[in-house]
Amino acid sequence: MIKIIKLSKEEPYSIFKDYYDSAMDAKQESVEVISISSFNVKQNEVESRFVNLKYIINDEWTFFSNYKSPKALQFQGHDQISVLFYWKEINTQIRLKCNIYKSPDNFSDQHFQGRTKEKNALAISSSQSEVVQSYRDVEDSYNMTLANISESEERPDYWGGFSFIPYYFEFWQGHNNRLNKRHVFFKDNEVWQDTYLQP
């Protein structure tokens, strides 16, 4: 589930909310899961991964991660990302193009304090994507951290939010015989324009 707060009244956001509500009514599992694609400047390649979107506040979308992870370094080198939702229960795909940046520290602090001790133990113990000798090393580090942190543990400075603001939406809805509906919104001089695409 995504926490949606004071959502922008602009048209692509209201359309997104309608699809989101339909997905929730249809009991879509993992409705908050998004695929994020970023550009690795050093390797000259695109990489994708799934993350959990936590908030949409007005026009700003936020998830959380390790700031030393490969994706975080990619965001620093190239701040444009692509985002993809797919909600099978309503046969809907939503594509976004966005610019990404670190969330304010106080927002990340607030979110961290609202998480469970178990989740925070993983955020603290994991050097995300670094090579380890075995999975047992991961478990041992996690269990040691969990045994030693307090309920009011402070957020480590290497973990926090990433926020992005879309400048492009594509709402794709599947229909019989692949007569799919594709409704696109894009910003032109800060004004949303819309059009339809062939399937």
C-alpha atoms as a PDB file:
ATOM      1  CA  MET A   1       0.000   0.000   0.000  1.00  0.00           C
ATOM      2  CA  ILE A   2       1.189   3.521  -0.834  1.00  0.00           C
ATOM      3  CA  LYS A   3       0.614   6.446   1.533  1.00  0.00           C
ATOM      4  CA  ILE A   4      -0.992   9.127  -0.633  1.00  0.00           C
ATOM      5  CA  ILE A   5      -1.084  12.563   1.002  1.00  0.00           C
ATOM      6  CA  LYS A   6      -2.525  15.789  -0.453  1.00  0.00           C
ATOM      7  CA  LEU A   7      -2.221  14.434  -3.993  1.00  0.00           C
ATOM      8  CA  SER A   8      -1.727  16.975  -6.768  1.00  0.00           C
ATOM      9  CA  LYS A   9      -4.996  17.898  -8.450  1.00  0.00           C
ATOM     10  CA  GLU A  10      -3.361  17.855 -11.897  1.00  0.00           C
ATOM     11  CA  GLU A  11      -5.018  15.459 -14.319  1.00  0.00           C
ATOM     12  CA  PRO A  12      -2.375  12.701 -14.580  1.00  0.00           C
ATOM     13  CA  TYR A  13      -2.374  12.395 -10.795  1.00  0.00           C
ATOM     14  CA  SER A  14      -6.153  12.083 -10.561  1.00  0.00           C
ATOM     15  CA  ILE A  15      -6.088   9.421 -13.305  1.00  0.00           C
ATOM     16  CA  PHE A  16      -3.332   7.578 -11.439  1.00  0.00           C
ATOM     17  CA  LYS A  17      -5.447   7.659  -8.257  1.00  0.00           C
ATOM     18  CA  ASP A  18      -8.448   6.213 -10.099  1.00  0.00           C
ATOM     19  CA  TYR A  19      -6.348   3.294 -11.370  1.00  0.00           C
ATOM     20  CA  TYR A  20      -4.758   2.835  -7.946  1.00  0.00           C
ATOM     21  CA  ASP A  21      -8.162   2.690  -6.249  1.00  0.00           C
ATOM     22  CA  SER A  22      -9.354   0.161  -8.841  1.00  0.00           C
ATOM     23  CA  ALA A  23      -6.263  -1.983  -8.209  1.00  0.00           C
ATOM     24  CA  MET A  24      -6.865  -1.846  -4.451  1.00  0.00           C
ATOM     25  CA  ASP A  25     -10.541  -2.786  -4.928  1.00  0.00           C
ATOM     26  CA  ALA A  26      -9.409  -5.718  -7.108  1.00  0.00           C
ATOM     27  CA  LYS A  27      -7.102  -6.930  -4.284  1.00  0.00           C
ATOM     28  CA  GLN A  28      -3.932  -6.381  -6.304  1.00  0.00           C
ATOM     29  CA  GLU A  29      -0.977  -7.855  -4.407  1.00  0.00           C
ATOM     30  CA  SER A  30       2.158  -5.733  -3.962  1.00  0.00           C
ATOM     31  CA  VAL A  31       0.407  -2.676  -5.355  1.00  0.00           C
ATOM     32  CA  GLU A  32       3.323  -0.533  -4.157  1.00  0.00           C
ATOM     33  CA  VAL A  33       6.002  -2.388  -6.148  1.00  0.00           C
ATOM     34  CA  ILE A  34       7.664  -0.409  -8.944  1.00  0.00           C
ATOM     35  CA  SER A  35      10.460  -1.206 -11.356  1.00  0.00           C
ATOM     36  CA  ILE A  36      13.070   1.552 -11.544  1.00  0.00           C
ATOM     37  CA  SER A  37      15.497   1.772 -14.450  1.00  0.00           C
ATOM     38  CA  SER A  38      18.603   3.935 -14.128  1.00  0.00           C
ATOM     39  CA  PHE A  39      21.687   4.630 -16.212  1.00  0.00           C
ATOM     40  CA  ASN A  40      25.118   3.450 -15.101  1.00  0.00           C
ATOM     41  CA  VAL A  41      27.450   6.115 -16.505  1.00  0.00           C
ATOM     42  CA  LYS A  42      30.642   4.156 -15.755  1.00  0.00           C
ATOM     43  CA  GLN A  43      29.459   0.957 -17.449  1.00  0.00           C
ATOM     44  CA  ASN A  44      27.383   2.728 -20.125  1.00  0.00           C
ATOM     45  CA  GLU A  45      24.403   0.481 -19.457  1.00  0.00           C
ATOM     46  CA  VAL A  46      20.862   0.586 -18.097  1.00  0.00           C
ATOM     47  CA  GLU A  47      19.917  -1.367 -14.985  1.00  0.00           C
ATOM     48  CA  SER A  48      16.487  -2.140 -13.482  1.00  0.00           C
ATOM     49  CA  ARG A  49      15.276  -3.370 -10.116  1.00  0.00           C
ATOM     50  CA  PHE A  50      12.074  -3.521  -8.063  1.00  0.00           C
ATOM     51  CA  VAL A  51      11.574  -1.297  -5.020  1.00  0.00           C
ATOM     52  CA  ASN A  52       8.603  -0.479  -2.785  1.00  0.00           C
ATOM     53  CA  LEU A  53       7.118   2.971  -3.289  1.00  0.00           C
ATOM     54  CA  LYS A  54       6.158   4.306   0.145  1.00  0.00           C
ATOM     55  CA  TYR A  55       4.710   7.781  -0.380  1.00  0.00           C
ATOM     56  CA  ILE A  56       3.139  10.111  -2.904  1.00  0.00           C
ATOM     57  CA  ILE A  57       2.910  13.570  -1.364  1.00  0.00           C
ATOM     58  CA  ASN A  58       1.462  16.178  -3.706  1.00  0.00           C
ATOM     59  CA  ASP A  59       3.561  15.501  -6.869  1.00  0.00           C
ATOM     60  CA  GLU A  60       6.552  13.875  -5.124  1.00  0.00           C
ATOM     61  CA  TRP A  61       7.025  10.078  -5.021  1.00  0.00           C
ATOM     62  CA  THR A  62       9.377   8.488  -2.459  1.00  0.00           C
ATOM     63  CA  PHE A  63      11.047   5.142  -1.730  1.00  0.00           C
ATOM     64  CA  PHE A  64      13.955   4.278   0.585  1.00  0.00           C
ATOM     65  CA  SER A  65      17.326   2.633   0.057  1.00  0.00           C
ATOM     66  CA  ASN A  66      21.005   2.509   0.964  1.00  0.00           C
ATOM     67  CA  TYR A  67      22.794   5.649  -0.247  1.00  0.00           C
ATOM     68  CA  LYS A  68      25.940   3.642  -1.029  1.00  0.00           C
ATOM     69  CA  SER A  69      24.136   1.101  -3.210  1.00  0.00           C
ATOM     70  CA  PRO A  70      24.807   0.829  -6.961  1.00  0.00           C
ATOM     71  CA  LYS A  71      21.479   2.453  -7.827  1.00  0.00           C
ATOM     72  CA  ALA A  72      22.206   5.397  -5.512  1.00  0.00           C
ATOM     73  CA  LEU A  73      25.530   5.992  -7.264  1.00  0.00           C
ATOM     74  CA  GLN A  74      23.781   5.747 -10.629  1.00  0.00           C
ATOM     75  CA  PHE A  75      21.255   8.381  -9.558  1.00  0.00           C
ATOM     76  CA  GLN A  76      24.152  10.697  -8.705  1.00  0.00           C
ATOM     77  CA  GLY A  77      25.727  10.221 -12.134  1.00  0.00           C
ATOM     78  CA  HIS A  78      22.477  10.481 -14.113  1.00  0.00           C
ATOM     79  CA  ASP A  79      19.378  11.796 -12.365  1.00  0.00           C
ATOM     80  CA  GLN A  80      16.795  10.664 -14.927  1.00  0.00           C
ATOM     81  CA  ILE A  81      14.947   7.398 -14.252  1.00  0.00           C
ATOM     82  CA  SER A  82      12.081   5.386 -15.701  1.00  0.00           C
ATOM     83  CA  VAL A  83       9.459   3.890 -13.401  1.00  0.00           C
ATOM     84  CA  LEU A  84       6.990   1.113 -14.177  1.00  0.00           C
ATOM     85  CA  PHE A  85       3.903  -0.205 -12.381  1.00  0.00           C
ATOM     86  CA  TYR A  86       2.068  -3.319 -13.532  1.00  0.00           C
ATOM     87  CA  TRP A  87      -1.206  -4.239 -11.864  1.00  0.00           C
ATOM     88  CA  LYS A  88      -2.266  -7.612 -13.205  1.00  0.00           C
ATOM     89  CA  GLU A  89      -5.677  -7.627 -11.522  1.00  0.00           C
ATOM     90  CA  ILE A  90      -6.832  -4.671 -13.629  1.00  0.00           C
ATOM     91  CA  ASN A  91      -4.482  -5.335 -16.596  1.00  0.00           C
ATOM     92  CA  THR A  92      -2.939  -1.884 -16.292  1.00  0.00           C
ATOM     93  CA  GLN A  93       0.611  -0.655 -16.807  1.00  0.00           C
ATOM     94  CA  ILE A  94       1.737   2.838 -15.817  1.00  0.00           C
ATOM     95  CA  ARG A  95       5.038   4.261 -17.073  1.00  0.00           C
ATOM     96  CA  LEU A  96       6.701   7.358 -15.655  1.00  0.00           C
ATOM     97  CA  LYS A  97       9.761   9.363 -16.628  1.00  0.00           C
ATOM     98  CA  CYS A  98      11.193  11.375 -13.755  1.00  0.00           C
ATOM     99  CA  ASN A  99      14.103  13.212 -12.212  1.00  0.00           C
ATOM    100  CA  ILE A 100      15.338  11.771  -8.918  1.00  0.00           C
ATOM    101  CA  TYR A 101      17.067  13.274  -5.876  1.00  0.00           C
ATOM    102  CA  LYS A 102      17.729  12.526  -2.197  1.00  0.00           C
ATOM    103  CA  SER A 103      14.815  13.218   0.129  1.00  0.00           C
ATOM    104  CA  PRO A 104      15.257  15.718   2.983  1.00  0.00           C
ATOM    105  CA  ASP A 105      17.012  14.231   6.035  1.00  0.00           C
ATOM    106  CA  ASN A 106      14.177  15.085   8.418  1.00  0.00           C
ATOM    107  CA  PHE A 107      11.697  13.199   6.211  1.00  0.00           C
ATOM    108  CA  SER A 108      13.962  10.129   6.147  1.00  0.00           C
ATOM    109  CA  ASP A 109      14.409  10.387   9.930  1.00  0.00           C
ATOM    110  CA  GLN A 110      10.666  10.458  10.466  1.00  0.00           C
ATOM    111  CA  HIS A 111      10.091   7.438   8.229  1.00  0.00           C
ATOM    112  CA  PHE A 112      12.904   5.470   9.875  1.00  0.00           C
ATOM    113  CA  GLN A 113      11.453   6.060  13.350  1.00  0.00           C
ATOM    114  CA  GLY A 114       8.098   4.689  12.182  1.00  0.00           C
ATOM    115  CA  ARG A 115       9.543   1.367  10.992  1.00  0.00           C
ATOM    116  CA  THR A 116       9.857  -1.863  12.928  1.00  0.00           C
ATOM    117  CA  LYS A 117      13.045  -2.681  14.807  1.00  0.00           C
ATOM    118  CA  GLU A 118      13.532  -5.687  12.524  1.00  0.00           C
ATOM    119  CA  LYS A 119      13.415  -3.634   9.330  1.00  0.00           C
ATOM    120  CA  ASN A 120      15.760  -1.026  10.753  1.00  0.00           C
ATOM    121  CA  ALA A 121      18.225  -3.723  11.810  1.00  0.00           C
ATOM    122  CA  LEU A 122      18.518  -4.765   8.162  1.00  0.00           C
ATOM    123  CA  ALA A 123      18.955  -1.160   6.974  1.00  0.00           C
ATOM    124  CA  ILE A 124      21.792  -0.739   9.475  1.00  0.00           C
ATOM    125  CA  SER A 125      23.499  -4.104   8.982  1.00  0.00           C
ATOM    126  CA  SER A 126      23.426  -4.368   5.179  1.00  0.00           C
ATOM    127  CA  SER A 127      26.151  -3.009   2.928  1.00  0.00           C
ATOM    128  CA  GLN A 128      23.753  -3.319   0.029  1.00  0.00           C
ATOM    129  CA  SER A 129      25.022  -5.232  -3.031  1.00  0.00           C
ATOM    130  CA  GLU A 130      28.536  -5.763  -1.636  1.00  0.00           C
ATOM    131  CA  VAL A 131      30.063  -9.230  -2.103  1.00  0.00           C
ATOM    132  CA  VAL A 132      29.928 -11.608   0.894  1.00  0.00           C
ATOM    133  CA  GLN A 133      31.409 -15.054   1.412  1.00  0.00           C
ATOM    134  CA  SER A 134      28.068 -16.670   2.230  1.00  0.00           C
ATOM    135  CA  TYR A 135      24.453 -15.947   3.103  1.00  0.00           C
ATOM    136  CA  ARG A 136      25.332 -16.968   6.667  1.00  0.00           C
ATOM    137  CA  ASP A 137      27.444 -13.801   6.892  1.00  0.00           C
ATOM    138  CA  VAL A 138      24.344 -11.750   6.057  1.00  0.00           C
ATOM    139  CA  GLU A 139      22.295 -13.546   8.709  1.00  0.00           C
ATOM    140  CA  ASP A 140      24.983 -13.194  11.371  1.00  0.00           C
ATOM    141  CA  SER A 141      25.399  -9.469  10.743  1.00  0.00           C
ATOM    142  CA  TYR A 142      21.645  -8.928  10.843  1.00  0.00           C
ATOM    143  CA  ASN A 143      21.122 -10.947  14.041  1.00  0.00           C
ATOM    144  CA  MET A 144      23.984  -9.183  15.803  1.00  0.00           C
ATOM    145  CA  THR A 145      22.600  -5.782  14.830  1.00  0.00           C
ATOM    146  CA  LEU A 146      19.062  -6.727  15.867  1.00  0.00           C
ATOM    147  CA  ALA A 147      20.286  -7.857  19.279  1.00  0.00           C
ATOM    148  CA  ASN A 148      22.037  -4.542  19.908  1.00  0.00           C
ATOM    149  CA  ILE A 149      19.814  -1.780  18.537  1.00  0.00           C
ATOM    150  CA  SER A 150      17.182   0.078  20.518  1.00  0.00           C
ATOM    151  CA  GLU A 151      13.593   0.932  19.561  1.00  0.00           C
ATOM    152  CA  SER A 152      14.644   4.580  19.170  1.00  0.00           C
ATOM    153  CA  GLU A 153      17.764   3.897  17.095  1.00  0.00           C
ATOM    154  CA  GLU A 154      18.809   6.854  14.944  1.00  0.00           C
ATOM    155  CA  ARG A 155      18.784   6.527  11.176  1.00  0.00           C
ATOM    156  CA  PRO A 156      22.249   5.855   9.762  1.00  0.00           C
ATOM    157  CA  ASP A 157      23.408   8.536   7.340  1.00  0.00           C
ATOM    158  CA  TYR A 158      23.925   5.930   4.597  1.00  0.00           C
ATOM    159  CA  TRP A 159      20.210   5.038   4.443  1.00  0.00           C
ATOM    160  CA  GLY A 160      17.233   7.199   3.526  1.00  0.00           C
ATOM    161  CA  GLY A 161      14.752   8.346   0.952  1.00  0.00           C
ATOM    162  CA  PHE A 162      14.901   9.029  -2.743  1.00  0.00           C
ATOM    163  CA  SER A 163      12.203  11.227  -4.230  1.00  0.00           C
ATOM    164  CA  PHE A 164      11.217  11.807  -7.823  1.00  0.00           C
ATOM    165  CA  ILE A 165       8.767  14.011  -9.709  1.00  0.00           C
ATOM    166  CA  PRO A 166       7.346  12.710 -12.997  1.00  0.00           C
ATOM    167  CA  TYR A 167       7.372  14.752 -16.174  1.00  0.00           C
ATOM    168  CA  TYR A 168       5.807  11.963 -18.273  1.00  0.00           C
ATOM    169  CA  PHE A 169       2.972   9.480 -17.650  1.00  0.00           C
ATOM    170  CA  GLU A 170       1.730   6.702 -19.874  1.00  0.00           C
ATOM    171  CA  PHE A 171      -1.418   4.878 -18.786  1.00  0.00           C
ATOM    172  CA  TRP A 172      -1.661   1.556 -20.629  1.00  0.00           C
ATOM    173  CA  GLN A 173      -4.789  -0.537 -20.311  1.00  0.00           C
ATOM    174  CA  GLY A 174      -4.978  -3.945 -21.930  1.00  0.00           C
ATOM    175  CA  HIS A 175      -8.008  -4.917 -24.033  1.00  0.00           C
ATOM    176  CA  ASN A 176      -9.059  -7.918 -26.124  1.00  0.00           C
ATOM    177  CA  ASN A 177      -7.205  -8.520 -29.403  1.00  0.00           C
ATOM    178  CA  ARG A 178      -4.456  -6.191 -28.162  1.00  0.00           C
ATOM    179  CA  LEU A 179      -6.623  -3.168 -28.849  1.00  0.00           C
ATOM    180  CA  ASN A 180      -4.861  -1.557 -25.941  1.00  0.00           C
ATOM    181  CA  LYS A 181      -5.516   1.963 -24.706  1.00  0.00           C
ATOM    182  CA  ARG A 182      -2.427   4.175 -24.263  1.00  0.00           C
ATOM    183  CA  HIS A 183      -3.030   7.622 -22.784  1.00  0.00           C
ATOM    184  CA  VAL A 184       0.073   9.826 -22.434  1.00  0.00           C
ATOM    185  CA  PHE A 185       0.691  13.016 -20.467  1.00  0.00           C
ATOM    186  CA  PHE A 186       3.875  15.045 -20.853  1.00  0.00           C
ATOM    187  CA  LYS A 187       5.013  18.424 -19.598  1.00  0.00           C
ATOM    188  CA  ASP A 188       5.545  21.227 -22.101  1.00  0.00           C
ATOM    189  CA  ASN A 189       6.742  24.494 -20.527  1.00  0.00           C
ATOM    190  CA  GLU A 190       5.437  23.256 -17.167  1.00  0.00           C
ATOM    191  CA  VAL A 191       1.972  22.623 -18.590  1.00  0.00           C
ATOM    192  CA  TRP A 192       0.603  19.071 -18.904  1.00  0.00           C
ATOM    193  CA  GLN A 193      -0.327  18.062 -22.448  1.00  0.00           C
ATOM    194  CA  ASP A 194      -1.993  14.765 -23.320  1.00  0.00           C
ATOM    195  CA  THR A 195      -2.360  12.512 -26.323  1.00  0.00           C
ATOM    196  CA  TYR A 196      -3.072   8.888 -27.234  1.00  0.00           C
ATOM    197  CA  LEU A 197      -0.700   6.354 -28.796  1.00  0.00           C
ATOM    198  CA  GLN A 198      -1.331   3.464 -31.159  1.00  0.00           C
ATOM    199  CA  PRO A 199      -1.268   0.056 -29.404  1.00  0.00           C
END
